[in-house]
Amino acid sequence: MSMIKDNAGIAKAFYTSMSEKNAVGLEQYLHDDIEFIAPLAKTYGKEAYIENAKKFMGFFSSLAIRTVCDSNHEATVVYDLNFPESIGSVPTVALMNLNDGLITRIELFYDARPFER
């Protein structure tokens, strides 16, 4: 279990694990009932999230965190996802809800148009 106590630290560690394509690293930060909402996907529950995250991690080439902010029970992470040339770079914002050191909800905001090609 993670020893990180602040929301920004948890959010940064979570997306660092994502950038390293480390699914096991992601799991320690997720609540069992994690809700995930994105323009092209929705999941509920840790198992479903991890299954989709593993597929997604095989798709992007790199993830670079730009900034992390927190407020009360939320954290916001702004990052750049880089994909093969046909898609390119996709700036992304994750709004995360946390409770007792675990991520309970992730909502992503990004332009989904590059994925429609």
PDB file of N, CA and C in Angstrom:
ATOM      1  N   MET A   1       0.839  -1.189   0.000  1.00  0.00           N
ATOM      2  CA  MET A   1       0.000   0.000   0.000  1.00  0.00           C
ATOM      3  C   MET A   1       0.880   1.246   0.000  1.00  0.00           C
ATOM      4  N   SER A   2       0.423   2.254  -0.638  1.00  0.00           N
ATOM      5  CA  SER A   2       1.175   3.489  -0.781  1.00  0.00           C
ATOM      6  C   SER A   2       1.293   4.222   0.555  1.00  0.00           C
ATOM      7  N   MET A   3       2.440   4.837   0.780  1.00  0.00           N
ATOM      8  CA  MET A   3       2.643   5.646   1.979  1.00  0.00           C
ATOM      9  C   MET A   3       2.441   7.130   1.689  1.00  0.00           C
ATOM     10  N   ILE A   4       2.122   7.470   0.471  1.00  0.00           N
ATOM     11  CA  ILE A   4       1.902   8.863   0.093  1.00  0.00           C
ATOM     12  C   ILE A   4       0.563   9.318   0.683  1.00  0.00           C
ATOM     13  N   LYS A   5       0.562  10.476   1.311  1.00  0.00           N
ATOM     14  CA  LYS A   5      -0.647  10.945   2.005  1.00  0.00           C
ATOM     15  C   LYS A   5      -1.390  12.062   1.271  1.00  0.00           C
ATOM     16  N   ASP A   6      -0.675  12.902   0.514  1.00  0.00           N
ATOM     17  CA  ASP A   6      -1.351  14.040  -0.106  1.00  0.00           C
ATOM     18  C   ASP A   6      -1.894  13.658  -1.486  1.00  0.00           C
ATOM     19  N   ASN A   7      -3.001  14.266  -1.860  1.00  0.00           N
ATOM     20  CA  ASN A   7      -3.673  13.935  -3.119  1.00  0.00           C
ATOM     21  C   ASN A   7      -2.787  14.180  -4.331  1.00  0.00           C
ATOM     22  N   ALA A   8      -2.045  15.288  -4.333  1.00  0.00           N
ATOM     23  CA  ALA A   8      -1.175  15.583  -5.471  1.00  0.00           C
ATOM     24  C   ALA A   8      -0.094  14.514  -5.603  1.00  0.00           C
ATOM     25  N   GLY A   9       0.456  14.073  -4.486  1.00  0.00           N
ATOM     26  CA  GLY A   9       1.481  13.029  -4.506  1.00  0.00           C
ATOM     27  C   GLY A   9       0.947  11.715  -5.024  1.00  0.00           C
ATOM     28  N   ILE A  10      -0.266  11.362  -4.614  1.00  0.00           N
ATOM     29  CA  ILE A  10      -0.908  10.125  -5.079  1.00  0.00           C
ATOM     30  C   ILE A  10      -1.173  10.222  -6.579  1.00  0.00           C
ATOM     31  N   ALA A  11      -1.730  11.352  -7.011  1.00  0.00           N
ATOM     32  CA  ALA A  11      -2.039  11.539  -8.435  1.00  0.00           C
ATOM     33  C   ALA A  11      -0.771  11.458  -9.284  1.00  0.00           C
ATOM     34  N   LYS A  12       0.302  12.100  -8.816  1.00  0.00           N
ATOM     35  CA  LYS A  12       1.557  12.072  -9.564  1.00  0.00           C
ATOM     36  C   LYS A  12       2.129  10.660  -9.605  1.00  0.00           C
ATOM     37  N   ALA A  13       2.105   9.953  -8.495  1.00  0.00           N
ATOM     38  CA  ALA A  13       2.612   8.577  -8.451  1.00  0.00           C
ATOM     39  C   ALA A  13       1.793   7.663  -9.365  1.00  0.00           C
ATOM     40  N   PHE A  14       0.476   7.864  -9.377  1.00  0.00           N
ATOM     41  CA  PHE A  14      -0.402   7.067 -10.236  1.00  0.00           C
ATOM     42  C   PHE A  14      -0.037   7.266 -11.709  1.00  0.00           C
ATOM     43  N   TYR A  15       0.077   8.527 -12.140  1.00  0.00           N
ATOM     44  CA  TYR A  15       0.391   8.789 -13.548  1.00  0.00           C
ATOM     45  C   TYR A  15       1.854   8.501 -13.884  1.00  0.00           C
ATOM     46  N   THR A  16       2.725   8.501 -12.893  1.00  0.00           N
ATOM     47  CA  THR A  16       4.095   8.047 -13.129  1.00  0.00           C
ATOM     48  C   THR A  16       4.082   6.549 -13.429  1.00  0.00           C
ATOM     49  N   SER A  17       3.290   5.785 -12.666  1.00  0.00           N
ATOM     50  CA  SER A  17       3.130   4.348 -12.950  1.00  0.00           C
ATOM     51  C   SER A  17       2.545   4.136 -14.338  1.00  0.00           C
ATOM     52  N   MET A  18       1.591   4.979 -14.712  1.00  0.00           N
ATOM     53  CA  MET A  18       0.993   4.880 -16.051  1.00  0.00           C
ATOM     54  C   MET A  18       2.068   5.142 -17.106  1.00  0.00           C
ATOM     55  N   SER A  19       2.894   6.163 -16.891  1.00  0.00           N
ATOM     56  CA  SER A  19       3.928   6.488 -17.879  1.00  0.00           C
ATOM     57  C   SER A  19       4.959   5.372 -17.996  1.00  0.00           C
ATOM     58  N   GLU A  20       5.164   4.638 -16.902  1.00  0.00           N
ATOM     59  CA  GLU A  20       6.092   3.503 -16.897  1.00  0.00           C
ATOM     60  C   GLU A  20       5.430   2.214 -17.384  1.00  0.00           C
ATOM     61  N   LYS A  21       4.129   2.315 -17.697  1.00  0.00           N
ATOM     62  CA  LYS A  21       3.331   1.173 -18.157  1.00  0.00           C
ATOM     63  C   LYS A  21       3.356   0.041 -17.127  1.00  0.00           C
ATOM     64  N   ASN A  22       3.145   0.438 -15.868  1.00  0.00           N
ATOM     65  CA  ASN A  22       3.218  -0.450 -14.717  1.00  0.00           C
ATOM     66  C   ASN A  22       1.818  -0.644 -14.126  1.00  0.00           C
ATOM     67  N   ALA A  23       1.096  -1.644 -14.602  1.00  0.00           N
ATOM     68  CA  ALA A  23      -0.279  -1.888 -14.143  1.00  0.00           C
ATOM     69  C   ALA A  23      -0.325  -2.236 -12.661  1.00  0.00           C
ATOM     70  N   VAL A  24       0.652  -2.977 -12.174  1.00  0.00           N
ATOM     71  CA  VAL A  24       0.691  -3.336 -10.749  1.00  0.00           C
ATOM     72  C   VAL A  24       0.848  -2.073  -9.905  1.00  0.00           C
ATOM     73  N   GLY A  25       1.669  -1.136 -10.389  1.00  0.00           N
ATOM     74  CA  GLY A  25       1.841   0.130  -9.687  1.00  0.00           C
ATOM     75  C   GLY A  25       0.564   0.940  -9.611  1.00  0.00           C
ATOM     76  N   LEU A  26      -0.265   0.872 -10.657  1.00  0.00           N
ATOM     77  CA  LEU A  26      -1.544   1.594 -10.672  1.00  0.00           C
ATOM     78  C   LEU A  26      -2.494   1.077  -9.601  1.00  0.00           C
ATOM     79  N   GLU A  27      -2.565  -0.229  -9.473  1.00  0.00           N
ATOM     80  CA  GLU A  27      -3.564  -0.880  -8.607  1.00  0.00           C
ATOM     81  C   GLU A  27      -3.541  -0.377  -7.173  1.00  0.00           C
ATOM     82  N   GLN A  28      -2.352  -0.108  -6.639  1.00  0.00           N
ATOM     83  CA  GLN A  28      -2.253   0.281  -5.229  1.00  0.00           C
ATOM     84  C   GLN A  28      -2.940   1.608  -4.920  1.00  0.00           C
ATOM     85  N   TYR A  29      -3.184   2.416  -5.937  1.00  0.00           N
ATOM     86  CA  TYR A  29      -3.796   3.739  -5.730  1.00  0.00           C
ATOM     87  C   TYR A  29      -5.306   3.750  -5.985  1.00  0.00           C
ATOM     88  N   LEU A  30      -5.855   2.644  -6.471  1.00  0.00           N
ATOM     89  CA  LEU A  30      -7.256   2.615  -6.889  1.00  0.00           C
ATOM     90  C   LEU A  30      -8.181   2.015  -5.844  1.00  0.00           C
ATOM     91  N   HIS A  31      -9.296   2.666  -5.632  1.00  0.00           N
ATOM     92  CA  HIS A  31     -10.373   2.124  -4.812  1.00  0.00           C
ATOM     93  C   HIS A  31     -11.009   0.971  -5.587  1.00  0.00           C
ATOM     94  N   ASP A  32     -11.529  -0.009  -4.886  1.00  0.00           N
ATOM     95  CA  ASP A  32     -12.164  -1.161  -5.555  1.00  0.00           C
ATOM     96  C   ASP A  32     -13.303  -0.740  -6.477  1.00  0.00           C
ATOM     97  N   ASP A  33     -13.990   0.349  -6.116  1.00  0.00           N
ATOM     98  CA  ASP A  33     -15.147   0.811  -6.898  1.00  0.00           C
ATOM     99  C   ASP A  33     -14.815   2.026  -7.762  1.00  0.00           C
ATOM    100  N   ILE A  34     -13.592   2.098  -8.268  1.00  0.00           N
ATOM    101  CA  ILE A  34     -13.167   3.221  -9.111  1.00  0.00           C
ATOM    102  C   ILE A  34     -14.125   3.422 -10.286  1.00  0.00           C
ATOM    103  N   GLU A  35     -14.506   4.673 -10.494  1.00  0.00           N
ATOM    104  CA  GLU A  35     -15.332   5.041 -11.651  1.00  0.00           C
ATOM    105  C   GLU A  35     -14.436   5.800 -12.613  1.00  0.00           C
ATOM    106  N   PHE A  36     -14.425   5.378 -13.877  1.00  0.00           N
ATOM    107  CA  PHE A  36     -13.595   6.008 -14.894  1.00  0.00           C
ATOM    108  C   PHE A  36     -14.484   6.497 -16.025  1.00  0.00           C
ATOM    109  N   ILE A  37     -14.321   7.782 -16.369  1.00  0.00           N
ATOM    110  CA  ILE A  37     -15.120   8.396 -17.428  1.00  0.00           C
ATOM    111  C   ILE A  37     -14.175   9.126 -18.373  1.00  0.00           C
ATOM    112  N   ALA A  38     -14.284   8.818 -19.664  1.00  0.00           N
ATOM    113  CA  ALA A  38     -13.482   9.485 -20.685  1.00  0.00           C
ATOM    114  C   ALA A  38     -14.344   9.635 -21.933  1.00  0.00           C
ATOM    115  N   PRO A  39     -13.931  10.496 -22.854  1.00  0.00           N
ATOM    116  CA  PRO A  39     -14.736  10.662 -24.070  1.00  0.00           C
ATOM    117  C   PRO A  39     -14.978   9.357 -24.843  1.00  0.00           C
ATOM    118  N   LEU A  40     -14.042   8.409 -24.773  1.00  0.00           N
ATOM    119  CA  LEU A  40     -14.187   7.187 -25.566  1.00  0.00           C
ATOM    120  C   LEU A  40     -14.331   5.922 -24.731  1.00  0.00           C
ATOM    121  N   ALA A  41     -14.448   6.040 -23.406  1.00  0.00           N
ATOM    122  CA  ALA A  41     -14.553   4.848 -22.564  1.00  0.00           C
ATOM    123  C   ALA A  41     -15.141   5.189 -21.203  1.00  0.00           C
ATOM    124  N   LYS A  42     -15.810   4.200 -20.620  1.00  0.00           N
ATOM    125  CA  LYS A  42     -16.301   4.294 -19.244  1.00  0.00           C
ATOM    126  C   LYS A  42     -16.151   2.914 -18.627  1.00  0.00           C
ATOM    127  N   THR A  43     -15.646   2.890 -17.386  1.00  0.00           N
ATOM    128  CA  THR A  43     -15.561   1.626 -16.666  1.00  0.00           C
ATOM    129  C   THR A  43     -15.944   1.856 -15.223  1.00  0.00           C
ATOM    130  N   TYR A  44     -16.282   0.755 -14.551  1.00  0.00           N
ATOM    131  CA  TYR A  44     -16.596   0.809 -13.129  1.00  0.00           C
ATOM    132  C   TYR A  44     -15.932  -0.395 -12.472  1.00  0.00           C
ATOM    133  N   GLY A  45     -15.165  -0.136 -11.442  1.00  0.00           N
ATOM    134  CA  GLY A  45     -14.491  -1.194 -10.710  1.00  0.00           C
ATOM    135  C   GLY A  45     -13.024  -1.303 -11.078  1.00  0.00           C
ATOM    136  N   LYS A  46     -12.222  -1.696 -10.087  1.00  0.00           N
ATOM    137  CA  LYS A  46     -10.767  -1.771 -10.259  1.00  0.00           C
ATOM    138  C   LYS A  46     -10.376  -2.763 -11.346  1.00  0.00           C
ATOM    139  N   GLU A  47     -10.981  -3.937 -11.357  1.00  0.00           N
ATOM    140  CA  GLU A  47     -10.608  -4.965 -12.335  1.00  0.00           C
ATOM    141  C   GLU A  47     -10.837  -4.490 -13.769  1.00  0.00           C
ATOM    142  N   ALA A  48     -11.989  -3.881 -14.019  1.00  0.00           N
ATOM    143  CA  ALA A  48     -12.302  -3.376 -15.364  1.00  0.00           C
ATOM    144  C   ALA A  48     -11.346  -2.243 -15.741  1.00  0.00           C
ATOM    145  N   TYR A  49     -11.047  -1.366 -14.790  1.00  0.00           N
ATOM    146  CA  TYR A  49     -10.136  -0.260 -15.079  1.00  0.00           C
ATOM    147  C   TYR A  49      -8.760  -0.792 -15.453  1.00  0.00           C
ATOM    148  N   ILE A  50      -8.223  -1.700 -14.650  1.00  0.00           N
ATOM    149  CA  ILE A  50      -6.878  -2.238 -14.894  1.00  0.00           C
ATOM    150  C   ILE A  50      -6.831  -2.971 -16.233  1.00  0.00           C
ATOM    151  N   GLU A  51      -7.860  -3.724 -16.551  1.00  0.00           N
ATOM    152  CA  GLU A  51      -7.909  -4.434 -17.832  1.00  0.00           C
ATOM    153  C   GLU A  51      -7.810  -3.456 -19.001  1.00  0.00           C
ATOM    154  N   ASN A  52      -8.588  -2.379 -18.943  1.00  0.00           N
ATOM    155  CA  ASN A  52      -8.544  -1.363 -20.005  1.00  0.00           C
ATOM    156  C   ASN A  52      -7.236  -0.581 -19.990  1.00  0.00           C
ATOM    157  N   ALA A  53      -6.708  -0.303 -18.804  1.00  0.00           N
ATOM    158  CA  ALA A  53      -5.443   0.441 -18.698  1.00  0.00           C
ATOM    159  C   ALA A  53      -4.302  -0.345 -19.336  1.00  0.00           C
ATOM    160  N   LYS A  54      -4.289  -1.658 -19.141  1.00  0.00           N
ATOM    161  CA  LYS A  54      -3.239  -2.488 -19.749  1.00  0.00           C
ATOM    162  C   LYS A  54      -3.281  -2.383 -21.272  1.00  0.00           C
ATOM    163  N   LYS A  55      -4.467  -2.422 -21.847  1.00  0.00           N
ATOM    164  CA  LYS A  55      -4.607  -2.274 -23.303  1.00  0.00           C
ATOM    165  C   LYS A  55      -4.135  -0.887 -23.737  1.00  0.00           C
ATOM    166  N   PHE A  56      -4.554   0.138 -22.993  1.00  0.00           N
ATOM    167  CA  PHE A  56      -4.213   1.512 -23.326  1.00  0.00           C
ATOM    168  C   PHE A  56      -2.709   1.748 -23.243  1.00  0.00           C
ATOM    169  N   MET A  57      -2.071   1.179 -22.228  1.00  0.00           N
ATOM    170  CA  MET A  57      -0.631   1.370 -22.050  1.00  0.00           C
ATOM    171  C   MET A  57       0.157   0.763 -23.211  1.00  0.00           C
ATOM    172  N   GLY A  58      -0.404  -0.219 -23.875  1.00  0.00           N
ATOM    173  CA  GLY A  58       0.251  -0.788 -25.042  1.00  0.00           C
ATOM    174  C   GLY A  58       0.098   0.075 -26.280  1.00  0.00           C
ATOM    175  N   PHE A  59      -0.775   1.056 -26.193  1.00  0.00           N
ATOM    176  CA  PHE A  59      -1.115   1.897 -27.344  1.00  0.00           C
ATOM    177  C   PHE A  59      -0.312   3.193 -27.403  1.00  0.00           C
ATOM    178  N   PHE A  60      -0.092   3.872 -26.256  1.00  0.00           N
ATOM    179  CA  PHE A  60       0.636   5.143 -26.300  1.00  0.00           C
ATOM    180  C   PHE A  60       2.137   4.908 -26.216  1.00  0.00           C
ATOM    181  N   SER A  61       2.906   5.853 -26.773  1.00  0.00           N
ATOM    182  CA  SER A  61       4.359   5.714 -26.730  1.00  0.00           C
ATOM    183  C   SER A  61       4.977   6.377 -25.502  1.00  0.00           C
ATOM    184  N   SER A  62       4.385   7.484 -25.035  1.00  0.00           N
ATOM    185  CA  SER A  62       4.897   8.118 -23.816  1.00  0.00           C
ATOM    186  C   SER A  62       3.824   9.001 -23.183  1.00  0.00           C
ATOM    187  N   LEU A  63       4.003   9.236 -21.889  1.00  0.00           N
ATOM    188  CA  LEU A  63       3.116  10.102 -21.124  1.00  0.00           C
ATOM    189  C   LEU A  63       4.013  11.031 -20.323  1.00  0.00           C
ATOM    190  N   ALA A  64       3.834  12.340 -20.505  1.00  0.00           N
ATOM    191  CA  ALA A  64       4.647  13.329 -19.791  1.00  0.00           C
ATOM    192  C   ALA A  64       3.748  14.218 -18.942  1.00  0.00           C
ATOM    193  N   ILE A  65       3.943  14.168 -17.630  1.00  0.00           N
ATOM    194  CA  ILE A  65       3.161  14.992 -16.702  1.00  0.00           C
ATOM    195  C   ILE A  65       3.629  16.439 -16.809  1.00  0.00           C
ATOM    196  N   ARG A  66       2.664  17.332 -16.989  1.00  0.00           N
ATOM    197  CA  ARG A  66       2.984  18.763 -17.061  1.00  0.00           C
ATOM    198  C   ARG A  66       2.813  19.438 -15.712  1.00  0.00           C
ATOM    199  N   THR A  67       1.707  19.150 -15.012  1.00  0.00           N
ATOM    200  CA  THR A  67       1.474  19.754 -13.700  1.00  0.00           C
ATOM    201  C   THR A  67       0.449  18.927 -12.930  1.00  0.00           C
ATOM    202  N   VAL A  68       0.518  19.041 -11.605  1.00  0.00           N
ATOM    203  CA  VAL A  68      -0.419  18.359 -10.716  1.00  0.00           C
ATOM    204  C   VAL A  68      -0.871  19.367  -9.668  1.00  0.00           C
ATOM    205  N   CYS A  69      -2.176  19.451  -9.440  1.00  0.00           N
ATOM    206  CA  CYS A  69      -2.745  20.354  -8.429  1.00  0.00           C
ATOM    207  C   CYS A  69      -3.706  19.545  -7.563  1.00  0.00           C
ATOM    208  N   ASP A  70      -3.896  19.985  -6.313  1.00  0.00           N
ATOM    209  CA  ASP A  70      -4.906  19.314  -5.497  1.00  0.00           C
ATOM    210  C   ASP A  70      -5.721  20.313  -4.696  1.00  0.00           C
ATOM    211  N   SER A  71      -6.908  19.867  -4.307  1.00  0.00           N
ATOM    212  CA  SER A  71      -7.834  20.682  -3.538  1.00  0.00           C
ATOM    213  C   SER A  71      -8.803  19.750  -2.818  1.00  0.00           C
ATOM    214  N   ASN A  72      -8.801  19.796  -1.504  1.00  0.00           N
ATOM    215  CA  ASN A  72      -9.684  18.954  -0.694  1.00  0.00           C
ATOM    216  C   ASN A  72      -9.565  17.490  -1.098  1.00  0.00           C
ATOM    217  N   HIS A  73     -10.619  16.916  -1.665  1.00  0.00           N
ATOM    218  CA  HIS A  73     -10.630  15.493  -2.037  1.00  0.00           C
ATOM    219  C   HIS A  73     -10.455  15.296  -3.538  1.00  0.00           C
ATOM    220  N   GLU A  74      -9.795  16.253  -4.184  1.00  0.00           N
ATOM    221  CA  GLU A  74      -9.594  16.167  -5.633  1.00  0.00           C
ATOM    222  C   GLU A  74      -8.136  16.442  -5.983  1.00  0.00           C
ATOM    223  N   ALA A  75      -7.760  15.932  -7.135  1.00  0.00           N
ATOM    224  CA  ALA A  75      -6.459  16.264  -7.723  1.00  0.00           C
ATOM    225  C   ALA A  75      -6.679  16.413  -9.220  1.00  0.00           C
ATOM    226  N   THR A  76      -5.930  17.305  -9.823  1.00  0.00           N
ATOM    227  CA  THR A  76      -5.991  17.506 -11.268  1.00  0.00           C
ATOM    228  C   THR A  76      -4.590  17.296 -11.822  1.00  0.00           C
ATOM    229  N   VAL A  77      -4.517  16.476 -12.871  1.00  0.00           N
ATOM    230  CA  VAL A  77      -3.240  16.195 -13.519  1.00  0.00           C
ATOM    231  C   VAL A  77      -3.366  16.602 -14.980  1.00  0.00           C
ATOM    232  N   VAL A  78      -2.434  17.427 -15.440  1.00  0.00           N
ATOM    233  CA  VAL A  78      -2.379  17.813 -16.849  1.00  0.00           C
ATOM    234  C   VAL A  78      -1.159  17.102 -17.422  1.00  0.00           C
ATOM    235  N   TYR A  79      -1.387  16.371 -18.511  1.00  0.00           N
ATOM    236  CA  TYR A  79      -0.282  15.629 -19.101  1.00  0.00           C
ATOM    237  C   TYR A  79      -0.438  15.535 -20.609  1.00  0.00           C
ATOM    238  N   ASP A  80       0.669  15.191 -21.257  1.00  0.00           N
ATOM    239  CA  ASP A  80       0.680  14.985 -22.699  1.00  0.00           C
ATOM    240  C   ASP A  80       0.846  13.499 -22.969  1.00  0.00           C
ATOM    241  N   LEU A  81      -0.064  12.956 -23.768  1.00  0.00           N
ATOM    242  CA  LEU A  81       0.046  11.578 -24.236  1.00  0.00           C
ATOM    243  C   LEU A  81       0.591  11.627 -25.650  1.00  0.00           C
ATOM    244  N   ASN A  82       1.593  10.837 -25.908  1.00  0.00           N
ATOM    245  CA  ASN A  82       2.162  10.774 -27.252  1.00  0.00           C
ATOM    246  C   ASN A  82       1.902   9.397 -27.825  1.00  0.00           C
ATOM    247  N   PHE A  83       1.406   9.416 -29.049  1.00  0.00           N
ATOM    248  CA  PHE A  83       1.025   8.202 -29.758  1.00  0.00           C
ATOM    249  C   PHE A  83       1.836   8.098 -31.034  1.00  0.00           C
ATOM    250  N   PRO A  84       1.716   6.966 -31.720  1.00  0.00           N
ATOM    251  CA  PRO A  84       2.360   6.872 -33.031  1.00  0.00           C
ATOM    252  C   PRO A  84       1.934   8.043 -33.924  1.00  0.00           C
ATOM    253  N   GLU A  85       2.700   8.272 -34.959  1.00  0.00           N
ATOM    254  CA  GLU A  85       2.561   9.437 -35.829  1.00  0.00           C
ATOM    255  C   GLU A  85       1.141   9.697 -36.335  1.00  0.00           C
ATOM    256  N   SER A  86       0.361   8.665 -36.571  1.00  0.00           N
ATOM    257  CA  SER A  86      -0.996   8.859 -37.108  1.00  0.00           C
ATOM    258  C   SER A  86      -1.884   9.646 -36.146  1.00  0.00           C
ATOM    259  N   ILE A  87      -1.572   9.613 -34.848  1.00  0.00           N
ATOM    260  CA  ILE A  87      -2.355  10.346 -33.853  1.00  0.00           C
ATOM    261  C   ILE A  87      -1.565  11.537 -33.324  1.00  0.00           C
ATOM    262  N   GLY A  88      -0.312  11.328 -32.955  1.00  0.00           N
ATOM    263  CA  GLY A  88       0.527  12.405 -32.444  1.00  0.00           C
ATOM    264  C   GLY A  88       0.335  12.651 -30.959  1.00  0.00           C
ATOM    265  N   SER A  89       0.490  13.907 -30.540  1.00  0.00           N
ATOM    266  CA  SER A  89       0.398  14.287 -29.136  1.00  0.00           C
ATOM    267  C   SER A  89      -1.029  14.698 -28.781  1.00  0.00           C
ATOM    268  N   VAL A  90      -1.500  14.234 -27.611  1.00  0.00           N
ATOM    269  CA  VAL A  90      -2.856  14.551 -27.158  1.00  0.00           C
ATOM    270  C   VAL A  90      -2.766  15.126 -25.741  1.00  0.00           C
ATOM    271  N   PRO A  91      -2.896  16.460 -25.598  1.00  0.00           N
ATOM    272  CA  PRO A  91      -2.938  17.054 -24.265  1.00  0.00           C
ATOM    273  C   PRO A  91      -4.185  16.546 -23.530  1.00  0.00           C
ATOM    274  N   THR A  92      -4.011  16.169 -22.262  1.00  0.00           N
ATOM    275  CA  THR A  92      -5.087  15.534 -21.502  1.00  0.00           C
ATOM    276  C   THR A  92      -5.134  16.113 -20.097  1.00  0.00           C
ATOM    277  N   VAL A  93      -6.341  16.216 -19.542  1.00  0.00           N
ATOM    278  CA  VAL A  93      -6.540  16.623 -18.156  1.00  0.00           C
ATOM    279  C   VAL A  93      -7.319  15.525 -17.459  1.00  0.00           C
ATOM    280  N   ALA A  94      -6.830  15.119 -16.295  1.00  0.00           N
ATOM    281  CA  ALA A  94      -7.526  14.134 -15.464  1.00  0.00           C
ATOM    282  C   ALA A  94      -7.989  14.822 -14.193  1.00  0.00           C
ATOM    283  N   LEU A  95      -9.289  14.770 -13.942  1.00  0.00           N
ATOM    284  CA  LEU A  95      -9.864  15.250 -12.687  1.00  0.00           C
ATOM    285  C   LEU A  95     -10.106  14.008 -11.839  1.00  0.00           C
ATOM    286  N   MET A  96      -9.450  13.944 -10.698  1.00  0.00           N
ATOM    287  CA  MET A  96      -9.498  12.753  -9.861  1.00  0.00           C
ATOM    288  C   MET A  96     -10.135  13.067  -8.514  1.00  0.00           C
ATOM    289  N   ASN A  97     -10.978  12.163  -8.042  1.00  0.00           N
ATOM    290  CA  ASN A  97     -11.534  12.241  -6.699  1.00  0.00           C
ATOM    291  C   ASN A  97     -10.819  11.189  -5.857  1.00  0.00           C
ATOM    292  N   LEU A  98     -10.463  11.550  -4.636  1.00  0.00           N
ATOM    293  CA  LEU A  98      -9.767  10.642  -3.744  1.00  0.00           C
ATOM    294  C   LEU A  98     -10.458  10.589  -2.396  1.00  0.00           C
ATOM    295  N   ASN A  99     -10.375   9.419  -1.768  1.00  0.00           N
ATOM    296  CA  ASN A  99     -10.956   9.233  -0.449  1.00  0.00           C
ATOM    297  C   ASN A  99     -10.050   8.280   0.317  1.00  0.00           C
ATOM    298  N   ASP A 100      -9.579   8.705   1.467  1.00  0.00           N
ATOM    299  CA  ASP A 100      -8.687   7.892   2.302  1.00  0.00           C
ATOM    300  C   ASP A 100      -7.479   7.377   1.527  1.00  0.00           C
ATOM    301  N   GLY A 101      -6.901   8.223   0.687  1.00  0.00           N
ATOM    302  CA  GLY A 101      -5.681   7.882  -0.020  1.00  0.00           C
ATOM    303  C   GLY A 101      -5.865   7.007  -1.249  1.00  0.00           C
ATOM    304  N   LEU A 102      -7.119   6.769  -1.653  1.00  0.00           N
ATOM    305  CA  LEU A 102      -7.388   5.969  -2.842  1.00  0.00           C
ATOM    306  C   LEU A 102      -8.192   6.772  -3.861  1.00  0.00           C
ATOM    307  N   ILE A 103      -7.915   6.517  -5.129  1.00  0.00           N
ATOM    308  CA  ILE A 103      -8.619   7.203  -6.210  1.00  0.00           C
ATOM    309  C   ILE A 103      -9.979   6.530  -6.400  1.00  0.00           C
ATOM    310  N   THR A 104     -11.050   7.320  -6.262  1.00  0.00           N
ATOM    311  CA  THR A 104     -12.406   6.782  -6.397  1.00  0.00           C
ATOM    312  C   THR A 104     -13.038   7.106  -7.747  1.00  0.00           C
ATOM    313  N   ARG A 105     -12.508   8.135  -8.407  1.00  0.00           N
ATOM    314  CA  ARG A 105     -13.088   8.545  -9.692  1.00  0.00           C
ATOM    315  C   ARG A 105     -12.022   9.260 -10.513  1.00  0.00           C
ATOM    316  N   ILE A 106     -11.977   8.946 -11.808  1.00  0.00           N
ATOM    317  CA  ILE A 106     -11.110   9.644 -12.749  1.00  0.00           C
ATOM    318  C   ILE A 106     -11.970  10.056 -13.927  1.00  0.00           C
ATOM    319  N   GLU A 107     -11.963  11.352 -14.227  1.00  0.00           N
ATOM    320  CA  GLU A 107     -12.653  11.839 -15.421  1.00  0.00           C
ATOM    321  C   GLU A 107     -11.610  12.521 -16.308  1.00  0.00           C
ATOM    322  N   LEU A 108     -11.510  12.037 -17.545  1.00  0.00           N
ATOM    323  CA  LEU A 108     -10.535  12.589 -18.490  1.00  0.00           C
ATOM    324  C   LEU A 108     -11.183  13.578 -19.440  1.00  0.00           C
ATOM    325  N   PHE A 109     -10.415  14.599 -19.792  1.00  0.00           N
ATOM    326  CA  PHE A 109     -10.829  15.599 -20.763  1.00  0.00           C
ATOM    327  C   PHE A 109      -9.737  15.693 -21.823  1.00  0.00           C
ATOM    328  N   TYR A 110     -10.090  15.406 -23.074  1.00  0.00           N
ATOM    329  CA  TYR A 110      -9.156  15.521 -24.193  1.00  0.00           C
ATOM    330  C   TYR A 110      -9.949  15.590 -25.484  1.00  0.00           C
ATOM    331  N   ASP A 111      -9.281  16.013 -26.532  1.00  0.00           N
ATOM    332  CA  ASP A 111      -9.882  16.088 -27.862  1.00  0.00           C
ATOM    333  C   ASP A 111      -9.821  14.692 -28.474  1.00  0.00           C
ATOM    334  N   ALA A 112     -10.956  14.059 -28.668  1.00  0.00           N
ATOM    335  CA  ALA A 112     -11.013  12.681 -29.161  1.00  0.00           C
ATOM    336  C   ALA A 112     -10.904  12.594 -30.686  1.00  0.00           C
ATOM    337  N   ARG A 113     -10.928  13.742 -31.386  1.00  0.00           N
ATOM    338  CA  ARG A 113     -10.902  13.716 -32.847  1.00  0.00           C
ATOM    339  C   ARG A 113      -9.723  12.951 -33.458  1.00  0.00           C
ATOM    340  N   PRO A 114      -8.497  13.042 -32.914  1.00  0.00           N
ATOM    341  CA  PRO A 114      -7.396  12.287 -33.527  1.00  0.00           C
ATOM    342  C   PRO A 114      -7.625  10.764 -33.544  1.00  0.00           C
ATOM    343  N   PHE A 115      -8.441  10.262 -32.639  1.00  0.00           N
ATOM    344  CA  PHE A 115      -8.694   8.819 -32.562  1.00  0.00           C
ATOM    345  C   PHE A 115      -9.757   8.361 -33.557  1.00  0.00           C
ATOM    346  N   GLU A 116     -10.450   9.302 -34.176  1.00  0.00           N
ATOM    347  CA  GLU A 116     -11.513   8.964 -35.106  1.00  0.00           C
ATOM    348  C   GLU A 116     -11.001   8.660 -36.510  1.00  0.00           C
ATOM    349  N   ARG A 117      -9.723   8.881 -36.751  1.00  0.00           N
ATOM    350  CA  ARG A 117      -9.148   8.668 -38.082  1.00  0.00           C
ATOM    351  C   ARG A 117      -9.102   7.216 -38.448  1.00  0.00           C
TER     352      ARG A 117
END
